Amino acid sequence: MLKANERTDSIKSRLLILFKAFATDTTHPGLTGSDAHKLHVREFGSKSPIWSVRARLTTLVNEGKLIKTSKKKIGPQGEPEHYYKLRKL
C-alpha cells in the first residue's frame, strides 16, 4: 500500500501528464479541477476524491508548475471553477 506522500506524488505526476496531453494548445483554456478529476479517473482508473485532485492542483501552482488562470466555468456543483494551465518554461 502506498504511503500518503507517495500517493500525493503519484497524483501530482499523473496530473502533469494529463495537462501535457490535454491542455497544451495555446487556444485551449486549460483544465478545471473537475475536468482534471474526470480525466484522472478515466485515464488512470483512479479512485482519488475530487478534493484530493484539487489539493494537488494547488500544490502544483505553489511549486510553479501550473498557473491558475482568471478564466472560470460553472462546475458540476453549480459553482464557478478556475482553469489551470501548464506554466511555460
C-alpha atoms as a PDB file:
ATOM      1  CA  MET A   1       0.000   0.000   0.000  1.00  0.00           C
ATOM      2  CA  LEU A   2       1.276   3.455  -0.883  1.00  0.00           C
ATOM      3  CA  LYS A   3       2.100   5.878   1.890  1.00  0.00           C
ATOM      4  CA  ALA A   4       0.313   9.247   1.892  1.00  0.00           C
ATOM      5  CA  ASN A   5       3.256  11.209   0.447  1.00  0.00           C
ATOM      6  CA  GLU A   6       3.773   8.594  -2.282  1.00  0.00           C
ATOM      7  CA  ARG A   7       0.077   8.868  -3.257  1.00  0.00           C
ATOM      8  CA  THR A   8       0.396  12.659  -3.326  1.00  0.00           C
ATOM      9  CA  ASP A   9       3.458  12.496  -5.588  1.00  0.00           C
ATOM     10  CA  SER A  10       1.708   9.949  -7.788  1.00  0.00           C
ATOM     11  CA  ILE A  11      -1.356  12.179  -8.221  1.00  0.00           C
ATOM     12  CA  LYS A  12       0.831  15.202  -8.960  1.00  0.00           C
ATOM     13  CA  SER A  13       2.825  13.282 -11.573  1.00  0.00           C
ATOM     14  CA  ARG A  14      -0.318  11.997 -13.255  1.00  0.00           C
ATOM     15  CA  LEU A  15      -1.907  15.450 -13.276  1.00  0.00           C
ATOM     16  CA  LEU A  16       1.146  16.877 -15.030  1.00  0.00           C
ATOM     17  CA  ILE A  17       0.877  14.099 -17.629  1.00  0.00           C
ATOM     18  CA  LEU A  18      -2.787  14.997 -18.179  1.00  0.00           C
ATOM     19  CA  PHE A  19      -2.031  18.700 -18.558  1.00  0.00           C
ATOM     20  CA  LYS A  20       0.700  17.927 -21.100  1.00  0.00           C
ATOM     21  CA  ALA A  21      -1.622  15.631 -23.045  1.00  0.00           C
ATOM     22  CA  PHE A  22      -4.885  17.577 -22.926  1.00  0.00           C
ATOM     23  CA  ALA A  23      -4.107  21.238 -22.302  1.00  0.00           C
ATOM     24  CA  THR A  24      -1.020  22.199 -24.274  1.00  0.00           C
ATOM     25  CA  ASP A  25      -2.742  24.003 -27.155  1.00  0.00           C
ATOM     26  CA  THR A  26      -2.489  27.766 -26.605  1.00  0.00           C
ATOM     27  CA  THR A  27      -6.143  28.175 -27.630  1.00  0.00           C
ATOM     28  CA  HIS A  28      -7.263  25.593 -25.043  1.00  0.00           C
ATOM     29  CA  PRO A  29      -8.437  27.268 -21.809  1.00  0.00           C
ATOM     30  CA  GLY A  30      -6.795  24.571 -19.662  1.00  0.00           C
ATOM     31  CA  LEU A  31      -8.434  22.210 -17.185  1.00  0.00           C
ATOM     32  CA  THR A  32     -10.616  22.893 -14.162  1.00  0.00           C
ATOM     33  CA  GLY A  33     -10.442  20.796 -11.008  1.00  0.00           C
ATOM     34  CA  SER A  34     -13.452  18.756 -12.083  1.00  0.00           C
ATOM     35  CA  ASP A  35     -12.038  18.334 -15.619  1.00  0.00           C
ATOM     36  CA  ALA A  36      -8.733  17.111 -14.175  1.00  0.00           C
ATOM     37  CA  HIS A  37     -10.550  14.748 -11.806  1.00  0.00           C
ATOM     38  CA  LYS A  38     -12.668  13.226 -14.600  1.00  0.00           C
ATOM     39  CA  LEU A  39      -9.573  12.667 -16.747  1.00  0.00           C
ATOM     40  CA  HIS A  40      -7.644  11.265 -13.772  1.00  0.00           C
ATOM     41  CA  VAL A  41     -10.399   8.704 -13.169  1.00  0.00           C
ATOM     42  CA  ARG A  42     -10.834   7.875 -16.870  1.00  0.00           C
ATOM     43  CA  GLU A  43      -7.180   7.662 -17.885  1.00  0.00           C
ATOM     44  CA  PHE A  44      -5.677   6.109 -14.746  1.00  0.00           C
ATOM     45  CA  GLY A  45      -8.622   4.339 -13.093  1.00  0.00           C
ATOM     46  CA  SER A  46      -8.028   6.489 -10.036  1.00  0.00           C
ATOM     47  CA  LYS A  47     -10.323   6.407  -7.039  1.00  0.00           C
ATOM     48  CA  SER A  48      -8.930   9.640  -5.594  1.00  0.00           C
ATOM     49  CA  PRO A  49     -11.632  12.048  -4.453  1.00  0.00           C
ATOM     50  CA  ILE A  50     -12.031  15.367  -6.248  1.00  0.00           C
ATOM     51  CA  TRP A  51     -10.807  17.309  -3.216  1.00  0.00           C
ATOM     52  CA  SER A  52      -7.519  15.411  -3.366  1.00  0.00           C
ATOM     53  CA  VAL A  53      -7.056  16.313  -7.031  1.00  0.00           C
ATOM     54  CA  ARG A  54      -7.882  19.960  -6.290  1.00  0.00           C
ATOM     55  CA  ALA A  55      -5.374  19.992  -3.437  1.00  0.00           C
ATOM     56  CA  ARG A  56      -2.658  18.653  -5.764  1.00  0.00           C
ATOM     57  CA  LEU A  57      -3.538  21.366  -8.322  1.00  0.00           C
ATOM     58  CA  THR A  58      -2.937  23.968  -5.615  1.00  0.00           C
ATOM     59  CA  THR A  59       0.368  22.306  -4.735  1.00  0.00           C
ATOM     60  CA  LEU A  60       1.433  22.354  -8.404  1.00  0.00           C
ATOM     61  CA  VAL A  61       0.561  26.065  -8.594  1.00  0.00           C
ATOM     62  CA  ASN A  62       2.604  26.736  -5.439  1.00  0.00           C
ATOM     63  CA  GLU A  63       5.516  24.770  -6.939  1.00  0.00           C
ATOM     64  CA  GLY A  64       5.339  26.928 -10.085  1.00  0.00           C
ATOM     65  CA  LYS A  65       4.377  24.085 -12.425  1.00  0.00           C
ATOM     66  CA  LEU A  66       0.797  25.231 -13.117  1.00  0.00           C
ATOM     67  CA  ILE A  67      -0.885  28.616 -13.408  1.00  0.00           C
ATOM     68  CA  LYS A  68      -4.337  29.304 -12.014  1.00  0.00           C
ATOM     69  CA  THR A  69      -5.985  31.465 -14.674  1.00  0.00           C
ATOM     70  CA  SER A  70      -8.682  34.091 -14.235  1.00  0.00           C
ATOM     71  CA  LYS A  71     -10.967  32.174 -16.619  1.00  0.00           C
ATOM     72  CA  LYS A  72     -13.786  30.236 -14.968  1.00  0.00           C
ATOM     73  CA  LYS A  73     -16.665  27.948 -15.844  1.00  0.00           C
ATOM     74  CA  ILE A  74     -19.574  26.629 -13.839  1.00  0.00           C
ATOM     75  CA  GLY A  75     -18.667  23.255 -12.344  1.00  0.00           C
ATOM     76  CA  PRO A  76     -20.796  20.214 -11.550  1.00  0.00           C
ATOM     77  CA  GLN A  77     -21.934  21.659  -8.193  1.00  0.00           C
ATOM     78  CA  GLY A  78     -23.083  24.884  -9.866  1.00  0.00           C
ATOM     79  CA  GLU A  79     -20.139  26.903  -8.534  1.00  0.00           C
ATOM     80  CA  PRO A  80     -17.514  28.657 -10.687  1.00  0.00           C
ATOM     81  CA  GLU A  81     -14.201  26.810 -11.140  1.00  0.00           C
ATOM     82  CA  HIS A  82     -10.916  28.296 -12.268  1.00  0.00           C
ATOM     83  CA  TYR A  83      -8.987  26.887 -15.199  1.00  0.00           C
ATOM     84  CA  TYR A  84      -5.374  25.785 -14.684  1.00  0.00           C
ATOM     85  CA  LYS A  85      -2.659  25.704 -17.339  1.00  0.00           C
ATOM     86  CA  LEU A  86       0.900  24.462 -17.540  1.00  0.00           C
ATOM     87  CA  ARG A  87       3.462  27.148 -16.793  1.00  0.00           C
ATOM     88  CA  LYS A  88       5.655  27.746 -19.817  1.00  0.00           C
ATOM     89  CA  LEU A  89       9.338  27.398 -19.040  1.00  0.00           C
END
